[in-house]
């Protein structure tokens, strides 16, 4: 499945090089990489990048977040083809690395979907 994210069309997207101080591993292109395994044996791999996200909030306007690091998945393997991650899917689980945790301050720690 191919990602719908088009980094070259974003003026705020930046891959993180291995010279940056982040904790993730490096790939063959000297970019920071991410890999996550799940209980069912599924594995996703990608790059660690920086991006500035904007969210439309009903009639209240737009929230412009500061630049945050995120894992951009480029490759996935699933034991069940019906459970493959869909392009542009965002993980919303609780935890310090989740998108919801990153934007909590800007949305009064309230999020619904």
Protein backbone atom coordinates (compact mmCIF):
# COMPACT_ATOMS: atom_id res chain seq x y z
CA UNK A 1 0.00 0.00 0.00
CA UNK A 2 1.46 3.37 -0.95
CA UNK A 3 1.40 6.37 1.37
CA UNK A 4 -0.70 9.37 0.36
CA UNK A 5 1.67 11.74 2.17
CA UNK A 6 3.58 13.82 -0.34
CA UNK A 7 6.55 15.28 1.56
CA UNK A 8 7.85 17.24 -1.43
CA UNK A 9 4.58 19.20 -1.53
CA UNK A 10 5.00 20.34 2.07
CA UNK A 11 7.06 23.40 2.90
CA UNK A 12 7.38 22.27 6.53
CA UNK A 13 8.28 18.54 6.15
CA UNK A 14 11.87 17.54 6.91
CA UNK A 15 13.43 14.08 7.21
CA UNK A 16 15.65 13.81 10.27
CA UNK A 17 19.27 13.01 9.46
CA UNK A 18 21.40 10.80 11.68
CA UNK A 19 23.34 13.86 12.82
CA UNK A 20 20.30 14.96 14.85
CA UNK A 21 20.05 13.98 18.49
CA UNK A 22 16.96 11.79 18.26
CA UNK A 23 17.00 8.28 19.72
CA UNK A 24 15.89 6.25 16.68
CA UNK A 25 18.07 4.08 14.45
CA UNK A 26 19.51 5.15 11.09
CA UNK A 27 18.78 3.72 7.65
CA UNK A 28 21.13 3.22 4.68
CA UNK A 29 20.51 6.84 3.56
CA UNK A 30 21.65 8.20 6.94
CA UNK A 31 18.11 9.21 7.86
CA UNK A 32 16.47 8.47 11.20
CA UNK A 33 14.19 5.44 10.92
CA UNK A 34 11.35 3.94 12.93
CA UNK A 35 10.12 0.37 13.22
CA UNK A 36 7.22 -0.85 15.31
CA UNK A 37 5.98 -4.39 15.91
CA UNK A 38 2.50 -5.35 17.06
CA UNK A 39 1.13 -8.32 18.99
CA UNK A 40 -0.28 -10.02 15.90
CA UNK A 41 3.14 -10.07 14.23
CA UNK A 42 2.53 -7.03 12.01
CA UNK A 43 5.49 -4.69 11.48
CA UNK A 44 5.61 -1.13 10.13
CA UNK A 45 8.77 0.71 9.08
CA UNK A 46 9.42 4.26 8.00
CA UNK A 47 11.34 7.43 8.61
CA UNK A 48 11.36 9.85 11.48
CA UNK A 49 10.49 13.30 10.21
CA UNK A 50 9.50 16.76 11.34
CA UNK A 51 6.29 18.40 10.18
CA UNK A 52 4.04 21.27 11.15
CA UNK A 53 0.43 20.12 11.35
CA UNK A 54 -2.64 22.33 10.98
CA UNK A 55 -6.12 21.23 12.03
CA UNK A 56 -9.43 22.86 11.22
CA UNK A 57 -11.56 23.08 14.35
CA UNK A 58 -15.21 23.42 13.37
CA UNK A 59 -16.17 27.08 13.18
CA UNK A 60 -13.35 28.09 15.55
CA UNK A 61 -10.77 28.31 12.80
CA UNK A 62 -7.45 26.53 12.46
CA UNK A 63 -5.00 25.27 15.05
CA UNK A 64 -1.41 25.61 13.83
CA UNK A 65 0.83 23.33 15.85
CA UNK A 66 4.54 23.82 16.34
CA UNK A 67 6.78 21.45 14.41
CA UNK A 68 6.66 17.93 15.87
CA UNK A 69 8.53 14.70 15.17
CA UNK A 70 6.47 11.82 13.80
CA UNK A 71 6.99 8.42 12.23
CA UNK A 72 6.09 8.36 8.55
CA UNK A 73 5.39 4.72 7.57
CA UNK A 74 6.67 3.63 4.15
CA UNK A 75 6.57 -0.16 4.50
CA UNK A 76 4.28 -2.56 6.34
CA UNK A 77 3.92 -6.28 6.72
CA UNK A 78 0.79 -7.75 8.22
CA UNK A 79 -0.08 -11.34 9.01
CA UNK A 80 -3.65 -10.46 8.03
CA UNK A 81 -4.08 -8.50 4.78
CA UNK A 82 -7.37 -7.03 6.07
CA UNK A 83 -5.47 -5.29 8.88
CA UNK A 84 -2.97 -3.43 6.72
CA UNK A 85 -2.60 0.18 7.77
CA UNK A 86 -4.40 2.49 5.39
CA UNK A 87 -2.57 5.51 3.93
CA UNK A 88 -2.85 8.62 6.10
CA UNK A 89 -3.99 6.64 9.14
CA UNK A 90 -3.04 8.33 12.41
CA UNK A 91 -2.48 6.37 15.61
CA UNK A 92 -4.56 7.81 18.43
CA UNK A 93 -3.69 5.50 21.30
CA UNK A 94 -2.86 7.04 24.68
CA UNK A 95 0.79 7.51 25.51
CA UNK A 96 3.52 10.11 25.44
CA UNK A 97 4.37 9.50 21.76
CA UNK A 98 0.82 9.80 20.41
CA UNK A 99 -0.38 12.68 18.28
CA UNK A 100 -3.09 13.42 20.84
CA UNK A 101 -0.43 13.83 23.55
CA UNK A 102 1.57 16.19 21.34
CA UNK A 103 -1.41 18.44 20.60
CA UNK A 104 -3.11 18.18 24.02
CA UNK A 105 -1.94 21.59 25.21
CA UNK A 106 -3.44 23.26 22.14
CA UNK A 107 -6.83 21.55 22.43
CA UNK A 108 -7.28 21.77 26.22
CA UNK A 109 -6.49 18.03 26.44
CA UNK A 110 -9.87 17.19 24.85
CA UNK A 111 -10.06 15.09 21.71
CA UNK A 112 -12.91 13.21 20.04
CA UNK A 113 -13.19 11.36 16.75
